[in-house]
Amino acid sequence: MKIIDTAIQGVHIVESTAFQDKRGAFSRLFCAQELAPVLGQRHVVQINKSLTCKVGAIRGMHYQIAPQAEMKIVRCLKGRVFDVAVDLRHGSPTFRQWVALDLSSEKCNAFVIPEGCAHGFQVLEANSELLYLHTAYYTPACEGAVHFDDPKLGIQWPLPPTDLSARDQNHTFLDEQFSGLAL
């Protein structure tokens, strides 16, 4: 596994190698030892999978606050998505900045999104499936979100949004008093 830093501290791209032969392919998707530089003392405690059917659909921008703030490692098992991390950490030099990459099963890559960063994605291929590894349990009382199209973030989605849940459509925009998430 190769770990690549991004412009936002703590947000990383992980590239895995797919070993192929006449039978098919093999890829290591997670290895605590190899990911120790980004995991630190954290442990994966929950694994989730999502299926999003329509091209242009957006899910996000979600996060959890303390005491259940979480790091996520996100992989695309099938299809292709435009995956986004937004830095919402109080005092961060990259506060309200975002980074994105195309996740796909073909690239065999992953996105590491640390505590205090919101996460979302837009589907670029129909029936895309994502695998999420979480370092904290999902806790409804600790969930938070920001509107996917907040002008203060300026995320440049590659396609017009076509399919959002009512919940994601109604997330709030950041107000002038929002100074970031405390960790």
N, C-alpha and C. Protein backbone atom coordinates (compact mmCIF):
# COMPACT_ATOMS: atom_id res chain seq x y z
N MET A 1 0.84 -1.17 0.00
CA MET A 1 0.00 0.00 0.00
C MET A 1 0.88 1.24 0.00
N LYS A 2 0.46 2.19 -0.79
CA LYS A 2 1.18 3.46 -0.86
C LYS A 2 0.27 4.53 -0.28
N ILE A 3 0.79 5.31 0.68
CA ILE A 3 0.03 6.39 1.32
C ILE A 3 0.52 7.71 0.75
N ILE A 4 -0.43 8.51 0.24
CA ILE A 4 -0.11 9.79 -0.39
C ILE A 4 -0.79 10.90 0.39
N ASP A 5 -0.03 11.90 0.80
CA ASP A 5 -0.59 13.05 1.49
C ASP A 5 -1.36 13.92 0.49
N THR A 6 -2.32 14.69 1.02
CA THR A 6 -3.04 15.66 0.21
C THR A 6 -2.76 17.06 0.78
N ALA A 7 -3.41 18.06 0.23
CA ALA A 7 -3.23 19.44 0.70
C ALA A 7 -3.82 19.66 2.09
N ILE A 8 -4.65 18.75 2.57
CA ILE A 8 -5.25 18.86 3.90
C ILE A 8 -4.60 17.85 4.83
N GLN A 9 -4.04 18.36 5.92
CA GLN A 9 -3.36 17.49 6.89
C GLN A 9 -4.32 16.41 7.39
N GLY A 10 -3.87 15.17 7.36
CA GLY A 10 -4.66 14.04 7.84
C GLY A 10 -5.51 13.38 6.79
N VAL A 11 -5.72 14.04 5.66
CA VAL A 11 -6.46 13.44 4.55
C VAL A 11 -5.44 12.80 3.62
N HIS A 12 -5.61 11.51 3.37
CA HIS A 12 -4.64 10.76 2.57
C HIS A 12 -5.35 9.94 1.50
N ILE A 13 -4.59 9.67 0.46
CA ILE A 13 -5.00 8.72 -0.58
C ILE A 13 -4.19 7.46 -0.34
N VAL A 14 -4.83 6.32 -0.41
CA VAL A 14 -4.15 5.05 -0.27
C VAL A 14 -4.30 4.31 -1.60
N GLU A 15 -3.18 3.92 -2.16
CA GLU A 15 -3.20 3.14 -3.39
C GLU A 15 -2.77 1.71 -3.08
N SER A 16 -3.59 0.78 -3.49
CA SER A 16 -3.28 -0.64 -3.33
C SER A 16 -2.90 -1.21 -4.68
N THR A 17 -2.16 -2.28 -4.67
CA THR A 17 -1.78 -2.95 -5.90
C THR A 17 -2.69 -4.15 -6.11
N ALA A 18 -3.23 -4.25 -7.31
CA ALA A 18 -4.02 -5.43 -7.67
C ALA A 18 -3.09 -6.42 -8.36
N PHE A 19 -3.00 -7.61 -7.80
CA PHE A 19 -2.19 -8.67 -8.41
C PHE A 19 -3.10 -9.50 -9.29
N GLN A 20 -2.75 -9.58 -10.57
CA GLN A 20 -3.62 -10.25 -11.52
C GLN A 20 -2.92 -11.44 -12.16
N ASP A 21 -3.72 -12.45 -12.45
CA ASP A 21 -3.26 -13.57 -13.24
C ASP A 21 -4.45 -14.08 -14.04
N LYS A 22 -4.32 -15.23 -14.66
CA LYS A 22 -5.38 -15.73 -15.54
C LYS A 22 -6.69 -16.03 -14.79
N ARG A 23 -6.61 -16.21 -13.46
CA ARG A 23 -7.80 -16.51 -12.66
C ARG A 23 -8.59 -15.27 -12.30
N GLY A 24 -7.92 -14.10 -12.27
CA GLY A 24 -8.56 -12.86 -11.85
C GLY A 24 -7.57 -11.96 -11.13
N ALA A 25 -7.98 -11.41 -9.99
CA ALA A 25 -7.13 -10.45 -9.29
C ALA A 25 -7.29 -10.58 -7.78
N PHE A 26 -6.27 -10.11 -7.07
CA PHE A 26 -6.27 -10.07 -5.61
C PHE A 26 -5.77 -8.70 -5.19
N SER A 27 -6.47 -8.06 -4.22
CA SER A 27 -6.05 -6.76 -3.69
C SER A 27 -6.18 -6.76 -2.18
N ARG A 28 -5.22 -6.18 -1.51
CA ARG A 28 -5.32 -5.98 -0.07
C ARG A 28 -6.03 -4.64 0.13
N LEU A 29 -7.20 -4.67 0.79
CA LEU A 29 -7.98 -3.45 0.99
C LEU A 29 -7.68 -2.78 2.32
N PHE A 30 -7.24 -3.55 3.30
CA PHE A 30 -6.93 -3.00 4.61
C PHE A 30 -5.83 -3.81 5.25
N CYS A 31 -4.86 -3.11 5.83
CA CYS A 31 -3.81 -3.75 6.61
C CYS A 31 -3.41 -2.76 7.70
N ALA A 32 -3.75 -3.09 8.95
CA ALA A 32 -3.48 -2.18 10.07
C ALA A 32 -1.99 -1.84 10.15
N GLN A 33 -1.14 -2.80 9.87
CA GLN A 33 0.30 -2.56 9.95
C GLN A 33 0.75 -1.55 8.90
N GLU A 34 0.30 -1.72 7.67
CA GLU A 34 0.70 -0.81 6.61
C GLU A 34 0.06 0.56 6.74
N LEU A 35 -1.14 0.62 7.34
CA LEU A 35 -1.83 1.89 7.52
C LEU A 35 -1.54 2.54 8.87
N ALA A 36 -0.65 1.96 9.66
CA ALA A 36 -0.32 2.51 10.98
C ALA A 36 0.09 3.98 10.94
N PRO A 37 0.80 4.45 9.91
CA PRO A 37 1.15 5.88 9.89
C PRO A 37 -0.07 6.81 9.88
N VAL A 38 -1.20 6.37 9.33
CA VAL A 38 -2.39 7.22 9.32
C VAL A 38 -3.38 6.84 10.42
N LEU A 39 -3.40 5.58 10.81
CA LEU A 39 -4.32 5.13 11.85
C LEU A 39 -3.86 5.52 13.25
N GLY A 40 -2.56 5.54 13.46
CA GLY A 40 -2.06 5.80 14.80
C GLY A 40 -2.61 4.76 15.77
N GLN A 41 -3.19 5.20 16.87
CA GLN A 41 -3.74 4.31 17.89
C GLN A 41 -5.21 3.97 17.64
N ARG A 42 -5.78 4.46 16.55
CA ARG A 42 -7.19 4.19 16.25
C ARG A 42 -7.36 2.74 15.80
N HIS A 43 -8.59 2.25 15.97
CA HIS A 43 -8.96 0.91 15.52
C HIS A 43 -10.25 0.99 14.73
N VAL A 44 -10.35 0.21 13.68
CA VAL A 44 -11.60 0.12 12.92
C VAL A 44 -12.59 -0.64 13.78
N VAL A 45 -13.78 -0.02 14.03
CA VAL A 45 -14.79 -0.65 14.87
C VAL A 45 -16.09 -0.94 14.12
N GLN A 46 -16.22 -0.39 12.92
CA GLN A 46 -17.46 -0.60 12.17
C GLN A 46 -17.14 -0.53 10.69
N ILE A 47 -17.76 -1.40 9.90
CA ILE A 47 -17.59 -1.40 8.46
C ILE A 47 -18.97 -1.35 7.83
N ASN A 48 -19.17 -0.42 6.90
CA ASN A 48 -20.45 -0.24 6.23
C ASN A 48 -20.25 -0.28 4.72
N LYS A 49 -21.33 -0.56 4.01
CA LYS A 49 -21.31 -0.57 2.56
C LYS A 49 -22.52 0.19 2.06
N SER A 50 -22.33 0.99 1.02
CA SER A 50 -23.46 1.69 0.41
C SER A 50 -23.54 1.36 -1.07
N LEU A 51 -24.74 1.40 -1.59
CA LEU A 51 -25.00 1.28 -3.02
C LEU A 51 -25.76 2.53 -3.42
N THR A 52 -25.27 3.21 -4.44
CA THR A 52 -25.97 4.38 -4.95
C THR A 52 -26.16 4.16 -6.44
N CYS A 53 -27.41 4.21 -6.87
CA CYS A 53 -27.76 3.75 -8.20
C CYS A 53 -27.58 4.76 -9.32
N LYS A 54 -27.99 6.01 -9.08
CA LYS A 54 -28.07 6.97 -10.19
C LYS A 54 -26.80 7.81 -10.35
N VAL A 55 -26.38 7.96 -11.59
CA VAL A 55 -25.28 8.85 -11.92
C VAL A 55 -25.70 10.27 -11.55
N GLY A 56 -24.81 10.99 -10.90
CA GLY A 56 -25.09 12.36 -10.47
C GLY A 56 -25.59 12.46 -9.04
N ALA A 57 -25.99 11.32 -8.45
CA ALA A 57 -26.47 11.33 -7.07
C ALA A 57 -25.35 11.78 -6.14
N ILE A 58 -25.73 12.54 -5.12
CA ILE A 58 -24.76 12.99 -4.11
C ILE A 58 -25.22 12.50 -2.75
N ARG A 59 -24.26 11.99 -1.98
CA ARG A 59 -24.47 11.68 -0.56
C ARG A 59 -23.48 12.54 0.21
N GLY A 60 -23.97 13.24 1.23
CA GLY A 60 -23.05 14.01 2.06
C GLY A 60 -23.57 15.40 2.35
N MET A 61 -22.84 16.12 3.02
CA MET A 61 -21.49 16.07 3.55
C MET A 61 -21.59 15.78 5.05
N HIS A 62 -21.23 14.57 5.46
CA HIS A 62 -21.47 14.06 6.80
C HIS A 62 -20.20 13.98 7.65
N TYR A 63 -20.41 14.06 8.97
CA TYR A 63 -19.33 13.88 9.94
C TYR A 63 -19.95 13.52 11.28
N GLN A 64 -19.13 13.12 12.22
CA GLN A 64 -19.57 12.91 13.60
C GLN A 64 -18.71 13.78 14.52
N ILE A 65 -19.34 14.31 15.59
CA ILE A 65 -18.62 15.14 16.55
C ILE A 65 -18.22 14.32 17.76
N ALA A 66 -17.34 14.90 18.57
CA ALA A 66 -16.90 14.25 19.81
C ALA A 66 -18.12 14.01 20.70
N PRO A 67 -18.17 12.94 21.44
CA PRO A 67 -17.07 12.00 21.66
C PRO A 67 -17.00 10.86 20.63
N GLN A 68 -17.79 10.92 19.58
CA GLN A 68 -17.77 9.87 18.57
C GLN A 68 -17.21 10.35 17.24
N ALA A 69 -16.34 11.37 17.29
CA ALA A 69 -15.67 11.80 16.05
C ALA A 69 -14.94 10.59 15.47
N GLU A 70 -14.93 10.50 14.17
CA GLU A 70 -14.39 9.29 13.54
C GLU A 70 -13.48 9.61 12.37
N MET A 71 -12.54 8.70 12.16
CA MET A 71 -11.79 8.67 10.92
C MET A 71 -12.50 7.65 10.04
N LYS A 72 -12.59 7.95 8.74
CA LYS A 72 -13.17 7.02 7.78
C LYS A 72 -12.12 6.67 6.75
N ILE A 73 -12.12 5.43 6.35
CA ILE A 73 -11.36 4.99 5.19
C ILE A 73 -12.41 4.50 4.20
N VAL A 74 -12.45 5.12 3.02
CA VAL A 74 -13.51 4.86 2.05
C VAL A 74 -12.90 4.26 0.79
N ARG A 75 -13.50 3.17 0.33
CA ARG A 75 -13.09 2.51 -0.91
C ARG A 75 -14.30 2.31 -1.81
N CYS A 76 -14.08 2.34 -3.11
CA CYS A 76 -15.12 2.04 -4.08
C CYS A 76 -14.93 0.59 -4.52
N LEU A 77 -15.93 -0.24 -4.25
CA LEU A 77 -15.86 -1.65 -4.61
C LEU A 77 -16.35 -1.91 -6.03
N LYS A 78 -17.26 -1.04 -6.48
CA LYS A 78 -17.85 -1.20 -7.82
C LYS A 78 -18.22 0.18 -8.33
N GLY A 79 -17.88 0.46 -9.58
CA GLY A 79 -18.24 1.73 -10.18
C GLY A 79 -17.17 2.78 -9.97
N ARG A 80 -17.63 4.05 -9.91
CA ARG A 80 -16.70 5.18 -9.78
C ARG A 80 -17.43 6.35 -9.16
N VAL A 81 -16.78 7.02 -8.21
CA VAL A 81 -17.36 8.19 -7.55
C VAL A 81 -16.32 9.30 -7.44
N PHE A 82 -16.82 10.52 -7.32
CA PHE A 82 -16.03 11.71 -7.02
C PHE A 82 -16.17 11.89 -5.52
N ASP A 83 -15.11 11.59 -4.77
CA ASP A 83 -15.16 11.56 -3.31
C ASP A 83 -14.52 12.83 -2.74
N VAL A 84 -15.18 13.43 -1.75
CA VAL A 84 -14.77 14.74 -1.25
C VAL A 84 -14.59 14.71 0.27
N ALA A 85 -13.53 15.37 0.73
CA ALA A 85 -13.30 15.61 2.15
C ALA A 85 -13.18 17.13 2.35
N VAL A 86 -13.89 17.65 3.36
CA VAL A 86 -13.87 19.08 3.68
C VAL A 86 -13.35 19.24 5.10
N ASP A 87 -12.36 20.08 5.27
CA ASP A 87 -11.77 20.34 6.58
C ASP A 87 -12.66 21.31 7.36
N LEU A 88 -13.25 20.83 8.46
CA LEU A 88 -14.09 21.67 9.32
C LEU A 88 -13.49 21.82 10.71
N ARG A 89 -12.21 21.52 10.85
CA ARG A 89 -11.55 21.54 12.16
C ARG A 89 -11.21 22.96 12.60
N HIS A 90 -11.61 23.27 13.82
CA HIS A 90 -11.31 24.58 14.41
C HIS A 90 -9.79 24.78 14.48
N GLY A 91 -9.35 25.92 13.99
CA GLY A 91 -7.93 26.25 14.05
C GLY A 91 -7.07 25.63 12.97
N SER A 92 -7.65 24.83 12.09
CA SER A 92 -6.87 24.20 11.03
C SER A 92 -6.45 25.23 9.98
N PRO A 93 -5.21 25.16 9.50
CA PRO A 93 -4.78 26.10 8.44
C PRO A 93 -5.52 25.88 7.12
N THR A 94 -6.19 24.74 6.98
CA THR A 94 -6.96 24.47 5.74
C THR A 94 -8.47 24.45 6.02
N PHE A 95 -8.89 25.16 7.08
CA PHE A 95 -10.31 25.23 7.46
C PHE A 95 -11.15 25.65 6.25
N ARG A 96 -12.22 24.91 6.00
CA ARG A 96 -13.19 25.09 4.93
C ARG A 96 -12.63 24.80 3.54
N GLN A 97 -11.45 24.21 3.46
CA GLN A 97 -10.93 23.78 2.17
C GLN A 97 -11.33 22.33 1.92
N TRP A 98 -11.35 21.93 0.66
CA TRP A 98 -11.73 20.57 0.32
C TRP A 98 -10.72 19.98 -0.66
N VAL A 99 -10.67 18.66 -0.62
CA VAL A 99 -9.91 17.89 -1.61
C VAL A 99 -10.81 16.77 -2.09
N ALA A 100 -10.57 16.34 -3.31
CA ALA A 100 -11.40 15.28 -3.89
C ALA A 100 -10.56 14.39 -4.79
N LEU A 101 -11.04 13.19 -5.00
CA LEU A 101 -10.42 12.30 -5.96
C LEU A 101 -11.46 11.34 -6.50
N ASP A 102 -11.17 10.78 -7.65
CA ASP A 102 -12.01 9.73 -8.21
C ASP A 102 -11.63 8.42 -7.52
N LEU A 103 -12.60 7.83 -6.87
CA LEU A 103 -12.42 6.49 -6.31
C LEU A 103 -13.05 5.51 -7.28
N SER A 104 -12.37 4.41 -7.53
CA SER A 104 -12.95 3.39 -8.40
C SER A 104 -12.38 2.03 -8.04
N SER A 105 -13.12 1.02 -8.40
CA SER A 105 -12.63 -0.34 -8.19
C SER A 105 -11.41 -0.59 -9.07
N GLU A 106 -11.39 -0.01 -10.25
CA GLU A 106 -10.25 -0.21 -11.15
C GLU A 106 -8.97 0.41 -10.61
N LYS A 107 -9.08 1.58 -9.98
CA LYS A 107 -7.88 2.23 -9.42
C LYS A 107 -7.42 1.58 -8.13
N CYS A 108 -8.33 0.85 -7.48
CA CYS A 108 -8.00 0.17 -6.23
C CYS A 108 -7.43 1.16 -5.20
N ASN A 109 -8.09 2.33 -5.10
CA ASN A 109 -7.61 3.37 -4.19
C ASN A 109 -8.61 3.59 -3.06
N ALA A 110 -8.16 4.31 -2.06
CA ALA A 110 -9.01 4.62 -0.90
C ALA A 110 -8.73 6.05 -0.48
N PHE A 111 -9.67 6.61 0.27
CA PHE A 111 -9.56 7.97 0.80
C PHE A 111 -9.62 7.86 2.31
N VAL A 112 -8.65 8.45 3.00
CA VAL A 112 -8.63 8.49 4.46
C VAL A 112 -9.10 9.88 4.87
N ILE A 113 -10.19 9.93 5.64
CA ILE A 113 -10.80 11.19 6.06
C ILE A 113 -10.79 11.24 7.58
N PRO A 114 -10.01 12.15 8.16
CA PRO A 114 -9.85 12.17 9.61
C PRO A 114 -11.02 12.84 10.34
N GLU A 115 -10.99 12.74 11.65
CA GLU A 115 -11.95 13.40 12.51
C GLU A 115 -11.96 14.89 12.19
N GLY A 116 -13.15 15.48 12.20
CA GLY A 116 -13.28 16.91 11.95
C GLY A 116 -13.40 17.28 10.49
N CYS A 117 -13.41 16.30 9.62
CA CYS A 117 -13.60 16.54 8.20
C CYS A 117 -14.93 15.93 7.77
N ALA A 118 -15.68 16.68 6.98
CA ALA A 118 -16.93 16.16 6.42
C ALA A 118 -16.61 15.34 5.17
N HIS A 119 -17.48 14.39 4.88
CA HIS A 119 -17.28 13.50 3.74
C HIS A 119 -18.56 13.41 2.91
N GLY A 120 -18.38 13.37 1.61
CA GLY A 120 -19.49 13.15 0.70
C GLY A 120 -18.95 12.69 -0.65
N PHE A 121 -19.87 12.29 -1.52
CA PHE A 121 -19.43 11.84 -2.85
C PHE A 121 -20.54 12.01 -3.86
N GLN A 122 -20.14 12.04 -5.13
CA GLN A 122 -21.08 12.05 -6.25
C GLN A 122 -20.80 10.84 -7.13
N VAL A 123 -21.85 10.16 -7.52
CA VAL A 123 -21.73 8.94 -8.33
C VAL A 123 -21.44 9.30 -9.80
N LEU A 124 -20.39 8.70 -10.33
CA LEU A 124 -20.00 8.91 -11.72
C LEU A 124 -20.34 7.71 -12.60
N GLU A 125 -20.59 6.55 -11.99
CA GLU A 125 -21.05 5.35 -12.71
C GLU A 125 -22.23 4.77 -11.95
N ALA A 126 -23.24 4.35 -12.69
CA ALA A 126 -24.45 3.79 -12.06
C ALA A 126 -24.09 2.60 -11.18
N ASN A 127 -24.86 2.45 -10.12
CA ASN A 127 -24.74 1.31 -9.20
C ASN A 127 -23.36 1.21 -8.54
N SER A 128 -22.85 2.35 -8.10
CA SER A 128 -21.55 2.37 -7.43
C SER A 128 -21.70 1.93 -5.98
N GLU A 129 -20.75 1.12 -5.53
CA GLU A 129 -20.76 0.60 -4.16
C GLU A 129 -19.51 1.08 -3.43
N LEU A 130 -19.72 1.61 -2.21
CA LEU A 130 -18.61 2.07 -1.38
C LEU A 130 -18.53 1.23 -0.12
N LEU A 131 -17.31 1.03 0.33
CA LEU A 131 -17.02 0.35 1.59
C LEU A 131 -16.40 1.39 2.52
N TYR A 132 -16.96 1.51 3.73
CA TYR A 132 -16.48 2.48 4.71
C TYR A 132 -15.95 1.74 5.93
N LEU A 133 -14.75 2.09 6.35
CA LEU A 133 -14.19 1.58 7.60
C LEU A 133 -14.18 2.76 8.58
N HIS A 134 -14.80 2.59 9.74
CA HIS A 134 -14.97 3.68 10.71
C HIS A 134 -14.21 3.37 11.99
N THR A 135 -13.65 4.43 12.60
CA THR A 135 -12.94 4.27 13.86
C THR A 135 -13.82 4.62 15.07
N ALA A 136 -15.08 4.93 14.84
CA ALA A 136 -16.04 5.16 15.92
C ALA A 136 -17.38 4.61 15.48
N TYR A 137 -18.19 4.24 16.44
CA TYR A 137 -19.52 3.71 16.13
C TYR A 137 -20.44 4.83 15.69
N TYR A 138 -21.34 4.53 14.76
CA TYR A 138 -22.34 5.49 14.35
C TYR A 138 -23.20 5.83 15.56
N THR A 139 -23.31 7.12 15.85
CA THR A 139 -24.06 7.60 16.99
C THR A 139 -24.93 8.77 16.53
N PRO A 140 -26.24 8.56 16.36
CA PRO A 140 -27.11 9.62 15.84
C PRO A 140 -26.98 10.95 16.59
N ALA A 141 -26.80 10.92 17.89
CA ALA A 141 -26.70 12.16 18.67
C ALA A 141 -25.42 12.94 18.34
N CYS A 142 -24.46 12.30 17.70
CA CYS A 142 -23.18 12.95 17.38
C CYS A 142 -23.03 13.24 15.89
N GLU A 143 -24.04 12.95 15.09
CA GLU A 143 -23.89 13.17 13.66
C GLU A 143 -24.11 14.64 13.33
N GLY A 144 -23.39 15.07 12.31
CA GLY A 144 -23.52 16.42 11.80
C GLY A 144 -23.37 16.41 10.30
N ALA A 145 -23.71 17.53 9.69
CA ALA A 145 -23.60 17.63 8.24
C ALA A 145 -23.62 19.09 7.83
N VAL A 146 -23.13 19.33 6.67
CA VAL A 146 -23.18 20.65 6.05
C VAL A 146 -23.72 20.45 4.63
N HIS A 147 -24.40 21.45 4.12
CA HIS A 147 -25.02 21.35 2.79
C HIS A 147 -23.97 21.10 1.72
N PHE A 148 -24.27 20.18 0.83
CA PHE A 148 -23.32 19.77 -0.22
C PHE A 148 -22.96 20.93 -1.15
N ASP A 149 -23.82 21.92 -1.25
CA ASP A 149 -23.62 23.01 -2.19
C ASP A 149 -23.39 24.35 -1.48
N ASP A 150 -22.82 24.27 -0.27
CA ASP A 150 -22.57 25.48 0.52
C ASP A 150 -21.58 26.37 -0.23
N PRO A 151 -21.96 27.62 -0.53
CA PRO A 151 -21.04 28.50 -1.26
C PRO A 151 -19.76 28.83 -0.48
N LYS A 152 -19.79 28.70 0.84
CA LYS A 152 -18.58 28.95 1.63
C LYS A 152 -17.54 27.85 1.42
N LEU A 153 -17.98 26.70 0.92
CA LEU A 153 -17.06 25.60 0.63
C LEU A 153 -16.66 25.59 -0.84
N GLY A 154 -17.61 25.88 -1.71
CA GLY A 154 -17.30 25.96 -3.14
C GLY A 154 -16.90 24.65 -3.77
N ILE A 155 -17.48 23.55 -3.33
CA ILE A 155 -17.15 22.26 -3.93
C ILE A 155 -17.59 22.26 -5.39
N GLN A 156 -16.70 21.87 -6.26
CA GLN A 156 -16.98 21.85 -7.69
C GLN A 156 -17.34 20.42 -8.11
N TRP A 157 -18.61 20.10 -7.96
CA TRP A 157 -19.09 18.77 -8.34
C TRP A 157 -18.97 18.61 -9.84
N PRO A 158 -18.54 17.46 -10.32
CA PRO A 158 -18.33 17.27 -11.76
C PRO A 158 -19.61 17.21 -12.59
N LEU A 159 -20.73 16.83 -11.96
CA LEU A 159 -22.00 16.68 -12.68
C LEU A 159 -23.09 17.47 -11.94
N PRO A 160 -24.14 17.85 -12.65
CA PRO A 160 -25.27 18.45 -11.94
C PRO A 160 -25.86 17.41 -10.97
N PRO A 161 -26.19 17.82 -9.74
CA PRO A 161 -26.80 16.88 -8.79
C PRO A 161 -28.15 16.39 -9.32
N THR A 162 -28.37 15.06 -9.27
CA THR A 162 -29.61 14.51 -9.81
C THR A 162 -30.45 13.76 -8.79
N ASP A 163 -29.87 13.32 -7.71
CA ASP A 163 -30.61 12.48 -6.78
C ASP A 163 -30.03 12.65 -5.38
N LEU A 164 -30.75 13.40 -4.54
CA LEU A 164 -30.33 13.61 -3.15
C LEU A 164 -31.47 13.19 -2.24
N SER A 165 -31.11 12.67 -1.09
CA SER A 165 -32.14 12.37 -0.10
C SER A 165 -32.70 13.68 0.42
N ALA A 166 -33.91 13.64 0.96
CA ALA A 166 -34.50 14.83 1.57
C ALA A 166 -33.59 15.35 2.67
N ARG A 167 -33.01 14.44 3.41
CA ARG A 167 -32.11 14.80 4.51
C ARG A 167 -30.90 15.58 3.99
N ASP A 168 -30.25 15.07 2.94
CA ASP A 168 -29.07 15.75 2.41
C ASP A 168 -29.43 17.08 1.76
N GLN A 169 -30.60 17.20 1.17
CA GLN A 169 -31.03 18.46 0.58
C GLN A 169 -31.24 19.53 1.64
N ASN A 170 -31.59 19.11 2.86
CA ASN A 170 -31.95 20.05 3.90
C ASN A 170 -30.85 20.32 4.93
N HIS A 171 -29.64 19.81 4.70
CA HIS A 171 -28.55 20.15 5.61
C HIS A 171 -28.32 21.66 5.57
N THR A 172 -27.86 22.20 6.68
CA THR A 172 -27.69 23.64 6.78
C THR A 172 -26.42 24.11 6.08
N PHE A 173 -26.40 25.40 5.80
CA PHE A 173 -25.22 26.06 5.28
C PHE A 173 -24.42 26.59 6.47
N LEU A 174 -23.13 26.73 6.32
CA LEU A 174 -22.31 27.27 7.38
C LEU A 174 -22.66 28.75 7.58
N ASP A 175 -22.82 29.16 8.84
CA ASP A 175 -23.08 30.58 9.08
C ASP A 175 -21.77 31.28 9.45
N GLU A 176 -21.83 32.59 9.54
CA GLU A 176 -20.62 33.38 9.80
C GLU A 176 -19.99 33.07 11.14
N GLN A 177 -20.78 32.57 12.11
CA GLN A 177 -20.25 32.27 13.43
C GLN A 177 -19.57 30.90 13.53
N PHE A 178 -19.72 30.07 12.51
CA PHE A 178 -19.12 28.74 12.57
C PHE A 178 -17.61 28.87 12.48
N SER A 179 -16.94 28.48 13.57
CA SER A 179 -15.48 28.59 13.61
C SER A 179 -14.80 27.23 13.57
N GLY A 180 -15.57 26.19 13.36
CA GLY A 180 -14.99 24.88 13.21
C GLY A 180 -15.37 23.93 14.33
N LEU A 181 -15.07 22.66 14.09
CA LEU A 181 -15.37 21.60 15.04
C LEU A 181 -14.22 21.44 16.02
N ALA A 182 -14.56 21.36 17.31
CA ALA A 182 -13.55 21.09 18.33
C ALA A 182 -13.33 19.59 18.39
N LEU A 183 -12.09 19.19 18.51
CA LEU A 183 -11.79 17.75 18.57
C LEU A 183 -11.29 17.35 19.92
